[in-house]
Amino acid sequence: MTSFLGEYEIAVDAKGRFLLPSGFRKQLPEGAAEKFVINRGFESCLTMYHVDVWNAIAEKVNRLNDFNPKVREFKRLFMNGATAVELDSAGRILLPKSLQEYAGINKDMVLSSQGNKVELWDKDTYHEYIRKHAAGFSDLAAEVAGGDFGNPFDGM
């Protein structure tokens, strides 16, 4: 499974294209297709998945019970707008206009790796989000991870 690391500040051109950073591309498995799916994220950002990861997620989402109104609502919000994209010959991806507007991305963008996916943020919105939440990071880590991780230096 693909897993990404890093944070990249990049520019979006007037046509809505952005160059996928080489440091990011090097993290793709050897021989992996350079195809992705971009959809709406949760906090005014977009989420980009490698197509293989997206297909596994979509398969699980499609198995959810459509007779449940909450499932239908989730599917609409999560799946609608999802767009398949791929690198052009210059290594760029075209960001769909509707998704670009959803996330408020105009010129400067941040690609923030999140394990098996990448979040695409408007640069100012991203930095504002990080500043707003940084003070509570320690408490959040304790609440979410608690003792599950143990001492990361054990065994060194």
C-alpha atoms as a PDB file:
ATOM      1  CA  MET A   1       0.000   0.000   0.000  1.00  0.00           C
ATOM      2  CA  THR A   2       1.205   3.482  -0.847  1.00  0.00           C
ATOM      3  CA  SER A   3       2.214   5.672   2.087  1.00  0.00           C
ATOM      4  CA  PHE A   4       3.334   9.268   1.683  1.00  0.00           C
ATOM      5  CA  LEU A   5       5.523  11.578   3.784  1.00  0.00           C
ATOM      6  CA  GLY A   6       6.150  15.284   3.533  1.00  0.00           C
ATOM      7  CA  GLU A   7       4.628  18.683   3.123  1.00  0.00           C
ATOM      8  CA  TYR A   8       5.071  20.670  -0.066  1.00  0.00           C
ATOM      9  CA  GLU A   9       4.156  24.254  -0.953  1.00  0.00           C
ATOM     10  CA  ILE A  10       3.397  24.556  -4.635  1.00  0.00           C
ATOM     11  CA  ALA A  11       1.783  26.945  -7.091  1.00  0.00           C
ATOM     12  CA  VAL A  12      -1.379  26.377  -9.101  1.00  0.00           C
ATOM     13  CA  ASP A  13      -1.318  27.943 -12.555  1.00  0.00           C
ATOM     14  CA  ALA A  14      -4.142  29.923 -14.192  1.00  0.00           C
ATOM     15  CA  LYS A  15      -5.551  26.728 -15.756  1.00  0.00           C
ATOM     16  CA  GLY A  16      -5.714  24.961 -12.380  1.00  0.00           C
ATOM     17  CA  ARG A  17      -2.688  22.737 -12.927  1.00  0.00           C
ATOM     18  CA  PHE A  18      -0.005  21.970 -10.384  1.00  0.00           C
ATOM     19  CA  LEU A  19       3.326  20.200 -10.664  1.00  0.00           C
ATOM     20  CA  LEU A  20       3.522  17.112  -8.495  1.00  0.00           C
ATOM     21  CA  PRO A  21       6.784  17.565  -6.543  1.00  0.00           C
ATOM     22  CA  SER A  22       9.561  15.144  -7.406  1.00  0.00           C
ATOM     23  CA  GLY A  23       9.997  14.260  -3.714  1.00  0.00           C
ATOM     24  CA  PHE A  24       6.395  13.136  -3.712  1.00  0.00           C
ATOM     25  CA  ARG A  25       6.650  11.234  -7.008  1.00  0.00           C
ATOM     26  CA  LYS A  26       9.692   9.326  -5.730  1.00  0.00           C
ATOM     27  CA  GLN A  27       7.481   7.852  -3.003  1.00  0.00           C
ATOM     28  CA  LEU A  28       5.260   6.073  -5.518  1.00  0.00           C
ATOM     29  CA  PRO A  29       5.985   2.354  -5.757  1.00  0.00           C
ATOM     30  CA  GLU A  30       8.173   1.359  -8.685  1.00  0.00           C
ATOM     31  CA  GLY A  31       6.013   0.859 -11.766  1.00  0.00           C
ATOM     32  CA  ALA A  32       2.908   2.311 -10.099  1.00  0.00           C
ATOM     33  CA  ALA A  33       0.532   4.153 -12.368  1.00  0.00           C
ATOM     34  CA  GLU A  34       0.618   7.909 -11.891  1.00  0.00           C
ATOM     35  CA  LYS A  35      -3.170   8.059 -11.552  1.00  0.00           C
ATOM     36  CA  PHE A  36      -5.015   9.540  -8.603  1.00  0.00           C
ATOM     37  CA  VAL A  37      -8.510  10.402  -7.428  1.00  0.00           C
ATOM     38  CA  ILE A  38      -9.200  13.782  -5.848  1.00  0.00           C
ATOM     39  CA  ASN A  39     -12.315  14.390  -3.754  1.00  0.00           C
ATOM     40  CA  ARG A  40     -13.650  16.757  -1.118  1.00  0.00           C
ATOM     41  CA  GLY A  41     -11.898  16.501   2.230  1.00  0.00           C
ATOM     42  CA  PHE A  42     -13.301  17.150   5.677  1.00  0.00           C
ATOM     43  CA  GLU A  43     -11.856  20.541   6.724  1.00  0.00           C
ATOM     44  CA  SER A  44     -12.162  22.721   3.616  1.00  0.00           C
ATOM     45  CA  CYS A  45      -9.415  20.827   1.861  1.00  0.00           C
ATOM     46  CA  LEU A  46      -9.241  18.218  -0.877  1.00  0.00           C
ATOM     47  CA  THR A  47      -8.019  14.668  -0.531  1.00  0.00           C
ATOM     48  CA  MET A  48      -5.934  12.907  -3.177  1.00  0.00           C
ATOM     49  CA  TYR A  49      -5.593   9.126  -3.194  1.00  0.00           C
ATOM     50  CA  HIS A  50      -3.498   6.918  -5.438  1.00  0.00           C
ATOM     51  CA  VAL A  51      -6.022   5.128  -7.644  1.00  0.00           C
ATOM     52  CA  ASP A  52      -5.288   1.739  -6.028  1.00  0.00           C
ATOM     53  CA  VAL A  53      -6.048   3.114  -2.551  1.00  0.00           C
ATOM     54  CA  TRP A  54      -9.167   4.871  -3.826  1.00  0.00           C
ATOM     55  CA  ASN A  55     -10.474   1.676  -5.420  1.00  0.00           C
ATOM     56  CA  ALA A  56     -10.155  -0.190  -2.107  1.00  0.00           C
ATOM     57  CA  ILE A  57     -11.969   2.616  -0.252  1.00  0.00           C
ATOM     58  CA  ALA A  58     -14.687   2.906  -2.908  1.00  0.00           C
ATOM     59  CA  GLU A  59     -15.289  -0.841  -2.712  1.00  0.00           C
ATOM     60  CA  LYS A  60     -15.923  -0.569   1.042  1.00  0.00           C
ATOM     61  CA  VAL A  61     -18.138   2.499   0.648  1.00  0.00           C
ATOM     62  CA  ASN A  62     -20.172   0.761  -2.050  1.00  0.00           C
ATOM     63  CA  ARG A  63     -20.915  -2.113   0.361  1.00  0.00           C
ATOM     64  CA  LEU A  64     -22.589   0.253   2.851  1.00  0.00           C
ATOM     65  CA  ASN A  65     -26.370  -0.052   3.253  1.00  0.00           C
ATOM     66  CA  ASP A  66     -28.114   2.411   0.898  1.00  0.00           C
ATOM     67  CA  PHE A  67     -31.368   1.947   2.824  1.00  0.00           C
ATOM     68  CA  ASN A  68     -29.828   3.973   5.661  1.00  0.00           C
ATOM     69  CA  PRO A  69     -30.326   7.733   5.039  1.00  0.00           C
ATOM     70  CA  LYS A  70     -27.018   8.561   6.792  1.00  0.00           C
ATOM     71  CA  VAL A  71     -25.191   6.221   4.412  1.00  0.00           C
ATOM     72  CA  ARG A  72     -26.740   7.937   1.400  1.00  0.00           C
ATOM     73  CA  GLU A  73     -25.773  11.344   2.804  1.00  0.00           C
ATOM     74  CA  PHE A  74     -22.208  10.182   3.475  1.00  0.00           C
ATOM     75  CA  LYS A  75     -21.886   8.691  -0.014  1.00  0.00           C
ATOM     76  CA  ARG A  76     -23.079  11.906  -1.635  1.00  0.00           C
ATOM     77  CA  LEU A  77     -20.686  14.057   0.325  1.00  0.00           C
ATOM     78  CA  PHE A  78     -17.737  11.676  -0.031  1.00  0.00           C
ATOM     79  CA  MET A  79     -18.158  10.261  -3.536  1.00  0.00           C
ATOM     80  CA  ASN A  80     -19.798  13.107  -5.476  1.00  0.00           C
ATOM     81  CA  GLY A  81     -17.172  15.262  -7.067  1.00  0.00           C
ATOM     82  CA  ALA A  82     -14.492  12.584  -6.819  1.00  0.00           C
ATOM     83  CA  THR A  83     -12.471  12.928 -10.002  1.00  0.00           C
ATOM     84  CA  ALA A  84      -9.878  10.673 -11.603  1.00  0.00           C
ATOM     85  CA  VAL A  85      -6.738  12.599 -12.565  1.00  0.00           C
ATOM     86  CA  GLU A  86      -3.343  11.667 -13.914  1.00  0.00           C
ATOM     87  CA  LEU A  87      -0.032  13.309 -14.549  1.00  0.00           C
ATOM     88  CA  ASP A  88       0.405  14.937 -17.931  1.00  0.00           C
ATOM     89  CA  SER A  89       3.674  14.693 -19.873  1.00  0.00           C
ATOM     90  CA  ALA A  90       5.080  17.620 -17.857  1.00  0.00           C
ATOM     91  CA  GLY A  91       4.276  15.977 -14.488  1.00  0.00           C
ATOM     92  CA  ARG A  92       1.281  18.214 -13.768  1.00  0.00           C
ATOM     93  CA  ILE A  93      -2.205  17.418 -12.492  1.00  0.00           C
ATOM     94  CA  LEU A  94      -5.274  19.390 -13.516  1.00  0.00           C
ATOM     95  CA  LEU A  95      -7.306  20.290 -10.445  1.00  0.00           C
ATOM     96  CA  PRO A  96     -11.031  20.272 -11.310  1.00  0.00           C
ATOM     97  CA  LYS A  97     -12.511  23.780 -11.040  1.00  0.00           C
ATOM     98  CA  SER A  98     -15.393  22.688  -8.763  1.00  0.00           C
ATOM     99  CA  LEU A  99     -12.979  21.081  -6.302  1.00  0.00           C
ATOM    100  CA  GLN A 100     -10.621  24.036  -6.508  1.00  0.00           C
ATOM    101  CA  GLU A 101     -13.532  26.336  -5.577  1.00  0.00           C
ATOM    102  CA  TYR A 102     -14.659  24.031  -2.737  1.00  0.00           C
ATOM    103  CA  ALA A 103     -11.232  24.248  -1.077  1.00  0.00           C
ATOM    104  CA  GLY A 104     -10.695  27.927  -1.915  1.00  0.00           C
ATOM    105  CA  ILE A 105      -7.482  27.109  -3.767  1.00  0.00           C
ATOM    106  CA  ASN A 106      -6.426  29.918  -6.085  1.00  0.00           C
ATOM    107  CA  LYS A 107      -2.688  30.244  -6.516  1.00  0.00           C
ATOM    108  CA  ASP A 108      -0.681  28.814  -3.631  1.00  0.00           C
ATOM    109  CA  MET A 109      -1.365  25.345  -2.300  1.00  0.00           C
ATOM    110  CA  VAL A 110       0.055  22.950   0.274  1.00  0.00           C
ATOM    111  CA  LEU A 111       0.241  19.195  -0.290  1.00  0.00           C
ATOM    112  CA  SER A 112       0.221  17.577   3.138  1.00  0.00           C
ATOM    113  CA  SER A 113       0.911  13.839   3.278  1.00  0.00           C
ATOM    114  CA  GLN A 114      -1.445  11.832   5.470  1.00  0.00           C
ATOM    115  CA  GLY A 115      -0.209   8.259   5.149  1.00  0.00           C
ATOM    116  CA  ASN A 116      -2.158   6.644   2.309  1.00  0.00           C
ATOM    117  CA  LYS A 117      -3.556   9.953   1.064  1.00  0.00           C
ATOM    118  CA  VAL A 118      -2.531  13.562   0.527  1.00  0.00           C
ATOM    119  CA  GLU A 119      -4.506  16.623   1.555  1.00  0.00           C
ATOM    120  CA  LEU A 120      -4.536  19.611  -0.804  1.00  0.00           C
ATOM    121  CA  TRP A 121      -5.055  22.927   0.986  1.00  0.00           C
ATOM    122  CA  ASP A 122      -5.141  26.586   0.120  1.00  0.00           C
ATOM    123  CA  LYS A 123      -1.806  27.742   1.580  1.00  0.00           C
ATOM    124  CA  ASP A 124      -3.236  30.446   3.880  1.00  0.00           C
ATOM    125  CA  THR A 125      -6.075  28.206   5.098  1.00  0.00           C
ATOM    126  CA  TYR A 126      -3.605  25.417   5.863  1.00  0.00           C
ATOM    127  CA  HIS A 127      -1.237  27.577   7.880  1.00  0.00           C
ATOM    128  CA  GLU A 128      -4.167  29.119   9.759  1.00  0.00           C
ATOM    129  CA  TYR A 129      -5.465  25.628  10.599  1.00  0.00           C
ATOM    130  CA  ILE A 130      -2.050  24.498  11.870  1.00  0.00           C
ATOM    131  CA  ARG A 131      -1.590  27.647  13.995  1.00  0.00           C
ATOM    132  CA  LYS A 132      -5.078  27.294  15.461  1.00  0.00           C
ATOM    133  CA  HIS A 133      -4.605  23.661  16.481  1.00  0.00           C
ATOM    134  CA  ALA A 134      -0.892  23.517  17.352  1.00  0.00           C
ATOM    135  CA  ALA A 135      -1.355  24.605  20.977  1.00  0.00           C
ATOM    136  CA  GLY A 136      -3.591  21.604  21.717  1.00  0.00           C
ATOM    137  CA  PHE A 137      -1.464  19.074  19.838  1.00  0.00           C
ATOM    138  CA  SER A 138      -0.062  17.403  22.958  1.00  0.00           C
ATOM    139  CA  ASP A 139      -3.518  16.927  24.495  1.00  0.00           C
ATOM    140  CA  LEU A 140      -4.875  15.642  21.190  1.00  0.00           C
ATOM    141  CA  ALA A 141      -2.035  13.116  20.905  1.00  0.00           C
ATOM    142  CA  ALA A 142      -2.710  11.855  24.422  1.00  0.00           C
ATOM    143  CA  GLU A 143      -6.433  11.533  23.717  1.00  0.00           C
ATOM    144  CA  VAL A 144      -6.133   9.856  20.324  1.00  0.00           C
ATOM    145  CA  ALA A 145      -3.028   7.722  20.745  1.00  0.00           C
ATOM    146  CA  GLY A 146      -2.845   7.452  24.524  1.00  0.00           C
ATOM    147  CA  GLY A 147      -0.562   4.625  25.521  1.00  0.00           C
ATOM    148  CA  ASP A 148      -1.086   2.721  22.247  1.00  0.00           C
ATOM    149  CA  PHE A 149       2.316   3.683  20.905  1.00  0.00           C
ATOM    150  CA  GLY A 150       4.380   3.061  24.020  1.00  0.00           C
ATOM    151  CA  ASN A 151       7.871   4.487  24.090  1.00  0.00           C
ATOM    152  CA  PRO A 152       9.048   5.050  20.493  1.00  0.00           C
ATOM    153  CA  PHE A 153      12.661   4.605  21.636  1.00  0.00           C
ATOM    154  CA  ASP A 154      12.190   1.109  23.110  1.00  0.00           C
ATOM    155  CA  GLY A 155      14.504  -1.352  21.447  1.00  0.00           C
ATOM    156  CA  MET A 156      17.005   1.253  20.273  1.00  0.00           C
END
